[in-house]
C-alpha atoms as a PDB file:
ATOM      1  CA  MET A   1      70.328   8.363   8.797  1.00  0.00           C
ATOM      2  CA  GLY A   2      70.864   4.689   8.019  1.00  0.00           C
ATOM      3  CA  ASN A   3      68.945   2.616   5.514  1.00  0.00           C
ATOM      4  CA  THR A   4      66.915   0.956   8.280  1.00  0.00           C
ATOM      5  CA  GLN A   5      65.825   4.319   9.645  1.00  0.00           C
ATOM      6  CA  LYS A   6      64.869   5.509   6.143  1.00  0.00           C
ATOM      7  CA  LEU A   7      62.782   2.352   5.619  1.00  0.00           C
ATOM      8  CA  ILE A   8      61.002   2.816   8.970  1.00  0.00           C
ATOM      9  CA  ALA A   9      60.320   6.488   8.152  1.00  0.00           C
ATOM     10  CA  ALA A  10      58.890   5.513   4.745  1.00  0.00           C
ATOM     11  CA  VAL A  11      56.580   2.875   6.279  1.00  0.00           C
ATOM     12  CA  VAL A  12      55.357   5.287   8.974  1.00  0.00           C
ATOM     13  CA  GLY A  13      54.813   7.963   6.328  1.00  0.00           C
ATOM     14  CA  ALA A  14      52.789   5.565   4.178  1.00  0.00           C
ATOM     15  CA  ILE A  15      50.618   4.603   7.153  1.00  0.00           C
ATOM     16  CA  VAL A  16      49.990   8.256   8.047  1.00  0.00           C
ATOM     17  CA  ILE A  17      49.073   9.082   4.429  1.00  0.00           C
ATOM     18  CA  GLY A  18      46.699   6.075   4.385  1.00  0.00           C
ATOM     19  CA  PHE A  19      44.924   7.258   7.534  1.00  0.00           C
ATOM     20  CA  VAL A  20      44.574  10.776   6.125  1.00  0.00           C
ATOM     21  CA  MET A  21      43.145   9.458   2.841  1.00  0.00           C
ATOM     22  CA  VAL A  22      40.616   7.175   4.578  1.00  0.00           C
ATOM     23  CA  GLY A  23      39.590   9.945   6.988  1.00  0.00           C
ATOM     24  CA  GLY A  24      39.113  12.413   4.141  1.00  0.00           C
ATOM     25  CA  SER A  25      37.026  10.037   2.040  1.00  0.00           C
ATOM     26  CA  LYS A  26      34.595   9.383   4.898  1.00  0.00           C
ATOM     27  CA  GLN A  27      33.386  12.999   4.845  1.00  0.00           C
ATOM     28  CA  GLN A  28      30.057  13.228   3.016  1.00  0.00           C
ATOM     29  CA  THR A  29      28.402  16.318   1.643  1.00  0.00           C
ATOM     30  CA  THR A  30      24.866  17.196   2.668  1.00  0.00           C
ATOM     31  CA  GLU A  31      23.593  16.102  -0.748  1.00  0.00           C
ATOM     32  CA  GLN A  32      25.248  12.696  -0.390  1.00  0.00           C
ATOM     33  CA  LYS A  33      23.715  12.234   3.070  1.00  0.00           C
ATOM     34  CA  GLU A  34      20.257  13.201   1.770  1.00  0.00           C
ATOM     35  CA  ALA A  35      20.561  10.839  -1.194  1.00  0.00           C
ATOM     36  CA  ALA A  36      21.626   7.967   1.056  1.00  0.00           C
ATOM     37  CA  SER A  37      18.745   8.695   3.431  1.00  0.00           C
ATOM     38  CA  MET A  38      16.237   8.728   0.562  1.00  0.00           C
ATOM     39  CA  ILE A  39      17.555   5.409  -0.747  1.00  0.00           C
ATOM     40  CA  ARG A  40      17.192   3.843   2.711  1.00  0.00           C
ATOM     41  CA  ALA A  41      13.629   5.209   3.076  1.00  0.00           C
ATOM     42  CA  VAL A  42      12.530   3.936  -0.341  1.00  0.00           C
ATOM     43  CA  SER A  43      14.141   0.582   0.331  1.00  0.00           C
ATOM     44  CA  SER A  44      12.398   0.147   3.686  1.00  0.00           C
ATOM     45  CA  MET A  45       9.054   1.274   2.234  1.00  0.00           C
ATOM     46  CA  GLN A  46       9.424  -1.184  -0.673  1.00  0.00           C
ATOM     47  CA  SER A  47      10.417  -3.960   1.715  1.00  0.00           C
ATOM     48  CA  MET A  48       7.387  -3.313   3.939  1.00  0.00           C
ATOM     49  CA  ALA A  49       5.078  -3.336   0.900  1.00  0.00           C
ATOM     50  CA  ASN A  50       6.630  -6.600  -0.327  1.00  0.00           C
ATOM     51  CA  GLN A  51       5.807  -8.188   3.034  1.00  0.00           C
ATOM     52  CA  LYS A  52       2.321  -6.838   3.713  1.00  0.00           C
ATOM     53  CA  CYS A  53       0.654  -6.643   0.284  1.00  0.00           C
ATOM     54  CA  PRO A  54       1.133 -10.257  -0.903  1.00  0.00           C
ATOM     55  CA  GLN A  55      -0.014 -11.459   2.518  1.00  0.00           C
ATOM     56  CA  LEU A  56      -3.223  -9.388   2.326  1.00  0.00           C
ATOM     57  CA  ILE A  57      -3.933 -10.508  -1.238  1.00  0.00           C
ATOM     58  CA  LYS A  58      -3.541 -14.141  -0.210  1.00  0.00           C
ATOM     59  CA  GLU A  59      -5.896 -13.609   2.759  1.00  0.00           C
ATOM     60  CA  LYS A  60      -8.562 -11.987   0.557  1.00  0.00           C
ATOM     61  CA  THR A  61      -8.304 -14.200  -2.548  1.00  0.00           C
ATOM     62  CA  GLY A  62      -6.566 -17.397  -1.508  1.00  0.00           C
ATOM     63  CA  SER A  63      -4.041 -16.902  -4.346  1.00  0.00           C
ATOM     64  CA  GLN A  64      -0.360 -16.338  -3.653  1.00  0.00           C
ATOM     65  CA  VAL A  65       1.339 -13.477  -5.530  1.00  0.00           C
ATOM     66  CA  TYR A  66       5.050 -12.962  -5.887  1.00  0.00           C
ATOM     67  CA  PHE A  67       6.322 -10.264  -8.236  1.00  0.00           C
ATOM     68  CA  PRO A  68       4.241  -7.173  -9.045  1.00  0.00           C
ATOM     69  CA  SER A  69       3.631  -6.388 -12.690  1.00  0.00           C
ATOM     70  CA  LYS A  70       3.765  -2.645 -12.006  1.00  0.00           C
ATOM     71  CA  THR A  71       5.110  -0.422  -9.233  1.00  0.00           C
ATOM     72  CA  ASP A  72       4.523   3.290  -8.692  1.00  0.00           C
ATOM     73  CA  THR A  73       6.029   5.512  -5.987  1.00  0.00           C
ATOM     74  CA  ASP A  74       6.824   9.132  -5.216  1.00  0.00           C
ATOM     75  CA  LYS A  75       9.988   7.876  -3.458  1.00  0.00           C
ATOM     76  CA  ALA A  76       9.028   9.595  -0.231  1.00  0.00           C
ATOM     77  CA  THR A  77       5.559   8.759   1.073  1.00  0.00           C
ATOM     78  CA  TYR A  78       3.895   5.870  -0.771  1.00  0.00           C
ATOM     79  CA  VAL A  79       4.383   2.847  -2.981  1.00  0.00           C
ATOM     80  CA  THR A  80       1.648   1.242  -5.091  1.00  0.00           C
ATOM     81  CA  MET A  81       2.085  -2.270  -6.422  1.00  0.00           C
ATOM     82  CA  GLU A  82      -0.151  -4.009  -8.962  1.00  0.00           C
ATOM     83  CA  TRP A  83      -0.477  -7.677  -9.830  1.00  0.00           C
ATOM     84  CA  VAL A  84      -2.216  -9.254 -12.802  1.00  0.00           C
ATOM     85  CA  GLY A  85      -3.808 -12.602 -12.034  1.00  0.00           C
ATOM     86  CA  GLU A  86      -2.575 -15.645 -13.890  1.00  0.00           C
ATOM     87  CA  PRO A  87      -4.697 -18.621 -14.972  1.00  0.00           C
ATOM     88  CA  GLY A  88      -5.791 -20.432 -11.822  1.00  0.00           C
ATOM     89  CA  ASP A  89      -5.675 -17.322  -9.612  1.00  0.00           C
ATOM     90  CA  ASN A  90      -8.854 -16.130  -7.914  1.00  0.00           C
ATOM     91  CA  PHE A  91      -8.476 -12.557  -9.165  1.00  0.00           C
ATOM     92  CA  LYS A  92      -7.785 -10.675 -12.379  1.00  0.00           C
ATOM     93  CA  LYS A  93      -6.102  -7.554 -11.025  1.00  0.00           C
ATOM     94  CA  ALA A  94      -4.973  -6.493  -7.566  1.00  0.00           C
ATOM     95  CA  SER A  95      -3.582  -3.146  -6.427  1.00  0.00           C
ATOM     96  CA  CYS A  96      -2.067  -2.382  -3.028  1.00  0.00           C
ATOM     97  CA  THR A  97      -0.884   1.022  -1.781  1.00  0.00           C
ATOM     98  CA  LEU A  98       1.294   1.430   1.290  1.00  0.00           C
ATOM     99  CA  HIS A  99       1.734   4.870   2.880  1.00  0.00           C
ATOM    100  CA  ILE A 100       4.708   5.252   5.163  1.00  0.00           C
ATOM    101  CA  SER A 101       2.841   7.763   7.364  1.00  0.00           C
ATOM    102  CA  LEU A 102       0.292   5.066   8.228  1.00  0.00           C
ATOM    103  CA  GLY A 103       2.938   2.396   8.622  1.00  0.00           C
ATOM    104  CA  GLY A 104       0.845   0.005   6.601  1.00  0.00           C
ATOM    105  CA  VAL A 105      -1.520  -0.604   3.717  1.00  0.00           C
ATOM    106  CA  SER A 106      -3.771   2.363   3.000  1.00  0.00           C
ATOM    107  CA  LYS A 107      -5.613   0.980  -0.018  1.00  0.00           C
ATOM    108  CA  LEU A 108      -6.302  -2.500  -1.353  1.00  0.00           C
ATOM    109  CA  VAL A 109      -8.318  -2.996  -4.539  1.00  0.00           C
ATOM    110  CA  ILE A 110      -9.008  -6.443  -5.972  1.00  0.00           C
ATOM    111  CA  ASP A 111     -10.949  -6.745  -9.242  1.00  0.00           C
ATOM    112  CA  ASP A 112     -12.142  -3.111  -8.969  1.00  0.00           C
ATOM    113  CA  LYS A 113     -13.562  -3.787  -5.492  1.00  0.00           C
ATOM    114  CA  VAL A 114     -12.099  -1.561  -2.762  1.00  0.00           C
ATOM    115  CA  LEU A 115     -11.397  -3.710   0.300  1.00  0.00           C
ATOM    116  CA  ILE A 116      -9.264  -1.261   2.307  1.00  0.00           C
ATOM    117  CA  ASP A 117      -9.374   2.527   1.976  1.00  0.00           C
ATOM    118  CA  LYS A 118      -7.762   4.438   4.843  1.00  0.00           C
ATOM    119  CA  LYS A 119      -7.492   8.196   4.635  1.00  0.00           C
ATOM    120  CA  VAL A 120      -3.993   9.646   4.701  1.00  0.00           C
ATOM    121  CA  ARG A 121      -3.543  12.961   6.471  1.00  0.00           C
END
Protein backbone atom coordinates (compact mmCIF):
# COMPACT_ATOMS: atom_id res chain seq x y z
CA MET A 1 0.00 0.00 0.00
CA GLY A 2 1.41 3.37 -1.02
CA ASN A 3 1.48 6.51 1.08
CA THR A 4 -1.45 8.00 -0.84
CA GLN A 5 -3.59 4.94 -0.16
CA LYS A 6 -2.65 5.04 3.55
CA LEU A 7 -3.63 8.73 3.72
CA ILE A 8 -6.99 8.05 2.03
CA ALA A 9 -7.65 5.12 4.40
CA ALA A 10 -6.84 7.32 7.41
CA VAL A 11 -9.19 10.10 6.24
CA VAL A 12 -12.02 7.63 5.56
CA GLY A 13 -11.43 6.02 8.95
CA ALA A 14 -11.58 9.40 10.69
CA ILE A 15 -14.85 10.25 8.93
CA VAL A 16 -16.39 6.90 9.90
CA ILE A 17 -15.31 7.34 13.54
CA GLY A 18 -16.80 10.86 13.52
CA PHE A 19 -20.15 9.58 12.26
CA VAL A 20 -20.20 6.83 14.89
CA MET A 21 -19.40 9.31 17.68
CA VAL A 22 -22.10 11.79 16.57
CA GLY A 23 -24.66 9.00 16.17
CA GLY A 24 -23.87 7.61 19.61
CA SER A 25 -24.11 10.97 21.35
CA LYS A 26 -27.57 11.65 19.92
CA GLN A 27 -29.08 8.76 21.90
CA GLN A 28 -30.87 10.09 24.98
CA THR A 29 -31.95 8.14 28.02
CA THR A 30 -35.56 8.24 29.16
CA GLU A 31 -34.59 10.50 32.07
CA GLN A 32 -32.92 12.98 29.72
CA LYS A 33 -36.00 13.04 27.47
CA GLU A 34 -38.29 13.60 30.47
CA ALA A 35 -36.08 16.40 31.81
CA ALA A 36 -36.00 18.11 28.42
CA SER A 37 -39.78 17.80 28.11
CA MET A 38 -40.30 19.29 31.58
CA ILE A 39 -38.01 22.22 30.76
CA ARG A 40 -39.96 22.91 27.55
CA ALA A 41 -43.31 22.73 29.42
CA VAL A 42 -42.17 25.10 32.18
CA SER A 43 -40.71 27.47 29.62
CA SER A 44 -43.91 27.60 27.56
CA MET A 45 -46.05 28.02 30.69
CA GLN A 46 -43.81 30.86 31.92
CA SER A 47 -43.88 32.48 28.49
CA MET A 48 -47.68 32.32 28.34
CA ALA A 49 -47.94 33.85 31.83
CA ASN A 50 -45.51 36.63 30.86
CA GLN A 51 -47.78 37.51 27.93
CA LYS A 52 -51.23 37.24 29.50
CA CYS A 53 -50.78 38.46 33.09
CA PRO A 54 -49.20 41.89 32.45
CA GLN A 55 -51.83 42.51 29.77
CA LEU A 56 -54.69 41.71 32.19
CA ILE A 57 -53.17 43.85 34.94
CA LYS A 58 -52.87 46.78 32.55
CA GLU A 59 -56.51 46.33 31.46
CA LYS A 60 -57.76 46.26 35.07
CA THR A 61 -55.53 48.97 36.59
CA GLY A 62 -54.19 51.06 33.74
CA SER A 63 -50.64 50.49 35.05
CA GLN A 64 -48.05 48.61 33.02
CA VAL A 65 -46.05 45.91 34.84
CA TYR A 66 -42.86 44.32 33.61
CA PHE A 67 -40.93 42.03 35.94
CA PRO A 68 -42.67 40.09 38.73
CA SER A 69 -41.31 40.47 42.23
CA LYS A 70 -42.12 36.84 43.05
CA THR A 71 -42.84 33.69 41.06
CA ASP A 72 -44.16 30.36 42.31
CA THR A 73 -44.71 27.17 40.29
CA ASP A 74 -45.01 23.42 40.69
CA LYS A 75 -43.16 23.10 37.35
CA ALA A 76 -45.96 21.04 35.86
CA THR A 77 -49.41 22.61 36.08
CA TYR A 78 -49.36 26.24 37.23
CA VAL A 79 -47.31 29.39 37.62
CA THR A 80 -48.19 32.27 39.96
CA MET A 81 -46.59 35.66 39.48
CA GLU A 82 -46.81 38.61 41.89
CA TRP A 83 -46.07 42.27 41.33
CA VAL A 84 -45.66 45.02 43.91
CA GLY A 85 -46.90 48.40 42.75
CA GLU A 86 -44.43 51.23 42.51
CA PRO A 87 -45.15 54.91 43.22
CA GLY A 88 -47.50 56.14 40.50
CA ASP A 89 -49.06 52.71 39.86
CA ASN A 90 -52.79 52.24 40.42
CA PHE A 91 -52.32 49.16 42.61
CA LYS A 92 -50.28 48.02 45.59
CA LYS A 93 -50.09 44.29 44.92
CA ALA A 94 -51.19 42.09 42.03
CA SER A 95 -51.15 38.31 41.76
CA CYS A 96 -51.85 36.27 38.63
CA THR A 97 -52.05 32.47 38.38
CA LEU A 98 -51.98 30.63 35.07
CA HIS A 99 -52.98 26.95 34.91
CA ILE A 100 -51.82 25.07 31.86
CA SER A 101 -54.93 22.84 31.90
CA LEU A 102 -57.11 25.92 31.35
CA GLY A 103 -54.74 27.40 28.80
CA GLY A 104 -55.02 30.76 30.47
CA VAL A 105 -55.32 32.80 33.64
CA SER A 106 -57.23 31.00 36.38
CA LYS A 107 -56.91 33.61 39.12
CA LEU A 108 -56.25 37.34 39.18
CA VAL A 109 -56.11 39.24 42.47
CA ILE A 110 -55.40 42.97 42.62
CA ASP A 111 -55.18 44.68 46.02
CA ASP A 112 -56.85 41.69 47.74
CA LYS A 113 -59.81 41.90 45.34
CA VAL A 114 -60.41 38.72 43.33
CA LEU A 115 -61.18 39.69 39.73
CA ILE A 116 -60.86 36.27 38.08
CA ASP A 117 -61.33 32.93 39.84
CA LYS A 118 -61.84 29.95 37.53
CA LYS A 119 -62.05 26.48 39.00
CA VAL A 120 -59.41 24.01 37.90
CA ARG A 121 -60.49 20.40 37.54
